[in-house]
Amino acid sequence: MKRASAILLFIFIIVEIVMAFYYGELYTPNKKIGDYAIQRDYRNDTITYLDDEAIALADEYNDVGLRSEALKAYNIINSIREEAGLNTLVWDSDLESTSMVRSKEISREFSHTRPNGLQWYTVNSTIMAGENLAYGYNHSEEVVDGWMESPTHRDNILYPTFTKIAISIYVENGVYYWAQEFGY
């Protein structure tokens, strides 16, 4: 874990140096550049990424029918976890906000890299620990079957130390975009 923190810190320092040349200054804790915030805590060498504006926009989106379908997928996933002898996952409203952001973003560019070029977890790095994406599935049973047929998606669903989950669906031009976010 310390190695991962050291690598993240090294990357952050490199980014600071590049940004210092580009913007003429270094990042400071809680500094915003555009819609993207970086918070650095020197006490424990942690970096938090938080896209406040994206989360605020996601919170405006609320479709009861789509949320109901997402909750069906959540229940199916918990059944799968129970059958595997794992703890069930708790629905997390903060993760739901991040999954709403990601479901909208993947309608523009289907990738674990966000449309702004940043990694998926930068929506809120303090809570996001795993991500499954899908599109084109119109029903919860179909999307969960698709995730379970993919080894990497299945690994996320059956990862024993995840404790939280949220799933969101965004529909554009009749295509369903699914974002499933996991946390500890």
C-alpha atoms as a PDB file:
ATOM      1  CA  MET A   1       0.000   0.000   0.000  1.00  0.00           C
ATOM      2  CA  LYS A   2       2.872   2.376   0.796  1.00  0.00           C
ATOM      3  CA  ARG A   3       4.382   1.638  -2.617  1.00  0.00           C
ATOM      4  CA  ALA A   4       1.119   2.570  -4.334  1.00  0.00           C
ATOM      5  CA  SER A   5       0.956   5.775  -2.298  1.00  0.00           C
ATOM      6  CA  ALA A   6       4.547   6.575  -3.195  1.00  0.00           C
ATOM      7  CA  ILE A   7       3.836   6.017  -6.889  1.00  0.00           C
ATOM      8  CA  LEU A   8       0.748   8.245  -6.729  1.00  0.00           C
ATOM      9  CA  LEU A   9       2.719  10.909  -4.904  1.00  0.00           C
ATOM     10  CA  PHE A  10       5.492  10.730  -7.505  1.00  0.00           C
ATOM     11  CA  ILE A  11       2.977  11.118 -10.328  1.00  0.00           C
ATOM     12  CA  PHE A  12       1.337  14.010  -8.522  1.00  0.00           C
ATOM     13  CA  ILE A  13       4.694  15.776  -8.084  1.00  0.00           C
ATOM     14  CA  ILE A  14       5.466  15.340 -11.800  1.00  0.00           C
ATOM     15  CA  VAL A  15       2.047  16.751 -12.661  1.00  0.00           C
ATOM     16  CA  GLU A  16       2.701  19.678 -10.322  1.00  0.00           C
ATOM     17  CA  ILE A  17       5.985  20.458 -12.029  1.00  0.00           C
ATOM     18  CA  VAL A  18       4.426  20.297 -15.497  1.00  0.00           C
ATOM     19  CA  MET A  19       1.487  22.419 -14.353  1.00  0.00           C
ATOM     20  CA  ALA A  20       3.857  24.891 -12.720  1.00  0.00           C
ATOM     21  CA  PHE A  21       5.463  25.507 -16.083  1.00  0.00           C
ATOM     22  CA  TYR A  22       2.126  25.595 -17.873  1.00  0.00           C
ATOM     23  CA  TYR A  23       0.138  27.711 -15.383  1.00  0.00           C
ATOM     24  CA  GLY A  24       3.106  29.423 -13.732  1.00  0.00           C
ATOM     25  CA  GLU A  25       2.293  28.104 -10.265  1.00  0.00           C
ATOM     26  CA  LEU A  26       2.101  24.931  -8.205  1.00  0.00           C
ATOM     27  CA  TYR A  27      -1.094  23.239  -7.070  1.00  0.00           C
ATOM     28  CA  THR A  28      -2.180  24.007  -3.565  1.00  0.00           C
ATOM     29  CA  PRO A  29      -4.517  21.927  -1.423  1.00  0.00           C
ATOM     30  CA  ASN A  30      -8.143  22.237  -2.566  1.00  0.00           C
ATOM     31  CA  LYS A  31      -7.142  24.109  -5.729  1.00  0.00           C
ATOM     32  CA  LYS A  32      -9.539  23.926  -8.635  1.00  0.00           C
ATOM     33  CA  ILE A  33      -8.484  23.904 -12.235  1.00  0.00           C
ATOM     34  CA  GLY A  34     -11.607  24.104 -14.347  1.00  0.00           C
ATOM     35  CA  ASP A  35     -14.135  21.626 -13.003  1.00  0.00           C
ATOM     36  CA  TYR A  36     -11.510  19.421 -11.395  1.00  0.00           C
ATOM     37  CA  ALA A  37     -10.319  19.644  -7.790  1.00  0.00           C
ATOM     38  CA  ILE A  38      -7.219  18.096  -6.288  1.00  0.00           C
ATOM     39  CA  GLN A  39      -6.780  17.948  -2.560  1.00  0.00           C
ATOM     40  CA  ARG A  40      -3.413  16.945  -1.142  1.00  0.00           C
ATOM     41  CA  ASP A  41      -2.913  15.868   2.460  1.00  0.00           C
ATOM     42  CA  TYR A  42       0.771  15.958   3.411  1.00  0.00           C
ATOM     43  CA  ARG A  43       0.132  14.308   6.789  1.00  0.00           C
ATOM     44  CA  ASN A  44      -0.586  10.904   5.291  1.00  0.00           C
ATOM     45  CA  ASP A  45       0.617  11.355   1.689  1.00  0.00           C
ATOM     46  CA  THR A  46      -2.838  11.027   0.188  1.00  0.00           C
ATOM     47  CA  ILE A  47      -4.335  12.689  -2.839  1.00  0.00           C
ATOM     48  CA  THR A  48      -8.067  13.061  -3.286  1.00  0.00           C
ATOM     49  CA  TYR A  49      -9.633  13.727  -6.658  1.00  0.00           C
ATOM     50  CA  LEU A  50     -13.117  15.178  -6.628  1.00  0.00           C
ATOM     51  CA  ASP A  51     -15.195  16.455  -9.521  1.00  0.00           C
ATOM     52  CA  ASP A  52     -17.725  18.543  -7.587  1.00  0.00           C
ATOM     53  CA  GLU A  53     -19.374  20.054 -10.640  1.00  0.00           C
ATOM     54  CA  ALA A  54     -19.954  16.679 -12.299  1.00  0.00           C
ATOM     55  CA  ILE A  55     -21.475  15.292  -9.096  1.00  0.00           C
ATOM     56  CA  ALA A  56     -23.756  18.335  -8.775  1.00  0.00           C
ATOM     57  CA  LEU A  57     -24.975  17.805 -12.348  1.00  0.00           C
ATOM     58  CA  ALA A  58     -25.549  14.092 -11.713  1.00  0.00           C
ATOM     59  CA  ASP A  59     -27.639  14.858  -8.652  1.00  0.00           C
ATOM     60  CA  GLU A  60     -30.045  16.799 -10.894  1.00  0.00           C
ATOM     61  CA  TYR A  61     -30.714  13.615 -12.885  1.00  0.00           C
ATOM     62  CA  ASN A  62     -33.352  11.370 -11.344  1.00  0.00           C
ATOM     63  CA  ASP A  63     -35.407   8.908 -13.395  1.00  0.00           C
ATOM     64  CA  VAL A  64     -37.500   6.613 -11.198  1.00  0.00           C
ATOM     65  CA  GLY A  65     -37.893   3.892 -13.851  1.00  0.00           C
ATOM     66  CA  LEU A  66     -34.167   3.707 -14.563  1.00  0.00           C
ATOM     67  CA  ARG A  67     -33.325   3.734 -10.861  1.00  0.00           C
ATOM     68  CA  SER A  68     -35.763   0.872 -10.332  1.00  0.00           C
ATOM     69  CA  GLU A  69     -33.995  -1.145 -13.048  1.00  0.00           C
ATOM     70  CA  ALA A  70     -30.620  -0.342 -11.448  1.00  0.00           C
ATOM     71  CA  LEU A  71     -31.927  -1.536  -8.072  1.00  0.00           C
ATOM     72  CA  LYS A  72     -33.035  -4.798  -9.694  1.00  0.00           C
ATOM     73  CA  ALA A  73     -29.446  -5.301 -10.907  1.00  0.00           C
ATOM     74  CA  TYR A  74     -28.235  -4.505  -7.376  1.00  0.00           C
ATOM     75  CA  ASN A  75     -30.497  -7.200  -5.922  1.00  0.00           C
ATOM     76  CA  ILE A  76     -29.344  -9.754  -8.489  1.00  0.00           C
ATOM     77  CA  ILE A  77     -25.707  -8.967  -7.678  1.00  0.00           C
ATOM     78  CA  ASN A  78     -26.318  -9.404  -3.960  1.00  0.00           C
ATOM     79  CA  SER A  79     -27.975 -12.770  -4.654  1.00  0.00           C
ATOM     80  CA  ILE A  80     -24.913 -13.831  -6.646  1.00  0.00           C
ATOM     81  CA  ARG A  81     -22.630 -12.716  -3.818  1.00  0.00           C
ATOM     82  CA  GLU A  82     -24.702 -14.581  -1.225  1.00  0.00           C
ATOM     83  CA  GLU A  83     -24.568 -17.769  -3.313  1.00  0.00           C
ATOM     84  CA  ALA A  84     -20.777 -17.370  -3.440  1.00  0.00           C
ATOM     85  CA  GLY A  85     -20.641 -17.034   0.364  1.00  0.00           C
ATOM     86  CA  LEU A  86     -19.736 -13.327   0.267  1.00  0.00           C
ATOM     87  CA  ASN A  87     -21.106 -10.364   2.176  1.00  0.00           C
ATOM     88  CA  THR A  88     -23.926  -8.443   0.500  1.00  0.00           C
ATOM     89  CA  LEU A  89     -23.174  -4.938  -0.699  1.00  0.00           C
ATOM     90  CA  VAL A  90     -24.848  -1.859   0.751  1.00  0.00           C
ATOM     91  CA  TRP A  91     -26.324   0.688  -1.663  1.00  0.00           C
ATOM     92  CA  ASP A  92     -24.402   3.938  -1.219  1.00  0.00           C
ATOM     93  CA  SER A  93     -25.943   7.285  -2.203  1.00  0.00           C
ATOM     94  CA  ASP A  94     -22.548   8.942  -2.671  1.00  0.00           C
ATOM     95  CA  LEU A  95     -21.483   6.169  -5.032  1.00  0.00           C
ATOM     96  CA  GLU A  96     -24.822   6.598  -6.772  1.00  0.00           C
ATOM     97  CA  SER A  97     -23.875  10.196  -7.557  1.00  0.00           C
ATOM     98  CA  THR A  98     -20.571   9.047  -9.028  1.00  0.00           C
ATOM     99  CA  SER A  99     -22.270   6.288 -11.031  1.00  0.00           C
ATOM    100  CA  MET A 100     -24.686   8.859 -12.453  1.00  0.00           C
ATOM    101  CA  VAL A 101     -21.716  10.929 -13.609  1.00  0.00           C
ATOM    102  CA  ARG A 102     -20.039   7.913 -15.172  1.00  0.00           C
ATOM    103  CA  SER A 103     -23.188   6.637 -16.928  1.00  0.00           C
ATOM    104  CA  LYS A 104     -23.582  10.041 -18.600  1.00  0.00           C
ATOM    105  CA  GLU A 105     -19.890  10.251 -19.467  1.00  0.00           C
ATOM    106  CA  ILE A 106     -19.758   6.852 -21.150  1.00  0.00           C
ATOM    107  CA  SER A 107     -22.598   7.890 -23.441  1.00  0.00           C
ATOM    108  CA  ARG A 108     -20.088  10.340 -24.949  1.00  0.00           C
ATOM    109  CA  GLU A 109     -17.035   8.084 -24.812  1.00  0.00           C
ATOM    110  CA  PHE A 110     -17.261   4.471 -23.670  1.00  0.00           C
ATOM    111  CA  SER A 111     -14.101   4.053 -21.617  1.00  0.00           C
ATOM    112  CA  HIS A 112     -12.755   3.839 -18.095  1.00  0.00           C
ATOM    113  CA  THR A 113     -10.993   7.071 -18.995  1.00  0.00           C
ATOM    114  CA  ARG A 114     -13.296  10.043 -18.558  1.00  0.00           C
ATOM    115  CA  PRO A 115     -14.029  12.387 -21.504  1.00  0.00           C
ATOM    116  CA  ASN A 116     -11.702  14.970 -19.938  1.00  0.00           C
ATOM    117  CA  GLY A 117      -8.816  12.457 -20.113  1.00  0.00           C
ATOM    118  CA  LEU A 118      -8.735  11.657 -16.385  1.00  0.00           C
ATOM    119  CA  GLN A 119      -9.194   8.211 -14.856  1.00  0.00           C
ATOM    120  CA  TRP A 120     -12.654   6.953 -13.862  1.00  0.00           C
ATOM    121  CA  TYR A 121     -12.087   7.243 -10.113  1.00  0.00           C
ATOM    122  CA  THR A 122     -11.432  10.990 -10.276  1.00  0.00           C
ATOM    123  CA  VAL A 123     -15.150  11.663  -9.975  1.00  0.00           C
ATOM    124  CA  ASN A 124     -14.498  11.039  -6.257  1.00  0.00           C
ATOM    125  CA  SER A 125     -11.363   9.089  -5.434  1.00  0.00           C
ATOM    126  CA  THR A 126     -12.192   8.897  -1.723  1.00  0.00           C
ATOM    127  CA  ILE A 127     -15.041   6.446  -2.334  1.00  0.00           C
ATOM    128  CA  MET A 128     -14.572   4.836  -5.769  1.00  0.00           C
ATOM    129  CA  ALA A 129     -12.649   1.539  -5.690  1.00  0.00           C
ATOM    130  CA  GLY A 130     -13.955  -0.457  -8.655  1.00  0.00           C
ATOM    131  CA  GLU A 131     -16.004   0.100 -11.774  1.00  0.00           C
ATOM    132  CA  ASN A 132     -18.012  -1.996 -14.237  1.00  0.00           C
ATOM    133  CA  LEU A 133     -19.457  -0.392 -17.364  1.00  0.00           C
ATOM    134  CA  ALA A 134     -21.839  -1.646 -20.022  1.00  0.00           C
ATOM    135  CA  TYR A 135     -24.066  -0.364 -22.788  1.00  0.00           C
ATOM    136  CA  GLY A 136     -26.776  -1.748 -25.000  1.00  0.00           C
ATOM    137  CA  TYR A 137     -28.448  -3.882 -22.323  1.00  0.00           C
ATOM    138  CA  ASN A 138     -32.037  -2.814 -21.655  1.00  0.00           C
ATOM    139  CA  HIS A 139     -32.714  -4.945 -18.576  1.00  0.00           C
ATOM    140  CA  SER A 140     -30.962  -5.677 -15.305  1.00  0.00           C
ATOM    141  CA  GLU A 141     -30.848  -9.442 -15.866  1.00  0.00           C
ATOM    142  CA  GLU A 142     -29.104  -8.956 -19.227  1.00  0.00           C
ATOM    143  CA  VAL A 143     -26.463  -6.545 -17.948  1.00  0.00           C
ATOM    144  CA  VAL A 144     -25.640  -8.666 -14.898  1.00  0.00           C
ATOM    145  CA  ASP A 145     -25.345 -11.757 -17.133  1.00  0.00           C
ATOM    146  CA  GLY A 146     -22.981  -9.794 -19.388  1.00  0.00           C
ATOM    147  CA  TRP A 147     -20.858  -8.674 -16.455  1.00  0.00           C
ATOM    148  CA  MET A 148     -20.728 -12.191 -15.028  1.00  0.00           C
ATOM    149  CA  GLU A 149     -19.579 -13.612 -18.390  1.00  0.00           C
ATOM    150  CA  SER A 150     -16.607 -11.221 -18.412  1.00  0.00           C
ATOM    151  CA  PRO A 151     -13.782 -12.336 -16.081  1.00  0.00           C
ATOM    152  CA  THR A 152     -12.745  -8.805 -15.042  1.00  0.00           C
ATOM    153  CA  HIS A 153     -16.304  -7.625 -14.420  1.00  0.00           C
ATOM    154  CA  ARG A 154     -17.085 -10.847 -12.562  1.00  0.00           C
ATOM    155  CA  ASP A 155     -13.986 -10.286 -10.385  1.00  0.00           C
ATOM    156  CA  ASN A 156     -15.312  -6.872  -9.360  1.00  0.00           C
ATOM    157  CA  ILE A 157     -18.751  -8.259  -8.538  1.00  0.00           C
ATOM    158  CA  LEU A 158     -17.226 -11.064  -6.455  1.00  0.00           C
ATOM    159  CA  TYR A 159     -14.409  -9.026  -4.894  1.00  0.00           C
ATOM    160  CA  PRO A 160     -14.673 -10.016  -1.227  1.00  0.00           C
ATOM    161  CA  THR A 161     -13.639  -6.743   0.420  1.00  0.00           C
ATOM    162  CA  PHE A 162     -16.039  -4.443  -1.425  1.00  0.00           C
ATOM    163  CA  THR A 163     -18.825  -3.366   0.934  1.00  0.00           C
ATOM    164  CA  LYS A 164     -20.676  -0.675  -1.044  1.00  0.00           C
ATOM    165  CA  ILE A 165     -22.191  -0.363  -4.495  1.00  0.00           C
ATOM    166  CA  ALA A 166     -24.331   1.840  -6.702  1.00  0.00           C
ATOM    167  CA  ILE A 167     -25.537   1.431 -10.258  1.00  0.00           C
ATOM    168  CA  SER A 168     -26.903   4.088 -12.582  1.00  0.00           C
ATOM    169  CA  ILE A 169     -28.351   3.998 -16.055  1.00  0.00           C
ATOM    170  CA  TYR A 170     -28.384   6.825 -18.554  1.00  0.00           C
ATOM    171  CA  VAL A 171     -30.333   6.518 -21.810  1.00  0.00           C
ATOM    172  CA  GLU A 172     -29.436   8.410 -24.938  1.00  0.00           C
ATOM    173  CA  ASN A 173     -30.957   7.745 -28.362  1.00  0.00           C
ATOM    174  CA  GLY A 174     -32.553   4.581 -26.976  1.00  0.00           C
ATOM    175  CA  VAL A 175     -29.204   3.124 -25.820  1.00  0.00           C
ATOM    176  CA  TYR A 176     -28.820   2.216 -22.132  1.00  0.00           C
ATOM    177  CA  TYR A 177     -25.459   3.107 -20.533  1.00  0.00           C
ATOM    178  CA  TRP A 178     -24.745   1.357 -17.224  1.00  0.00           C
ATOM    179  CA  ALA A 179     -22.174   2.384 -14.611  1.00  0.00           C
ATOM    180  CA  GLN A 180     -21.614   0.189 -11.577  1.00  0.00           C
ATOM    181  CA  GLU A 181     -19.346   1.646  -8.887  1.00  0.00           C
ATOM    182  CA  PHE A 182     -17.908  -0.212  -5.905  1.00  0.00           C
ATOM    183  CA  GLY A 183     -16.424   1.014  -2.639  1.00  0.00           C
ATOM    184  CA  TYR A 184     -15.166  -0.050   0.775  1.00  0.00           C
END
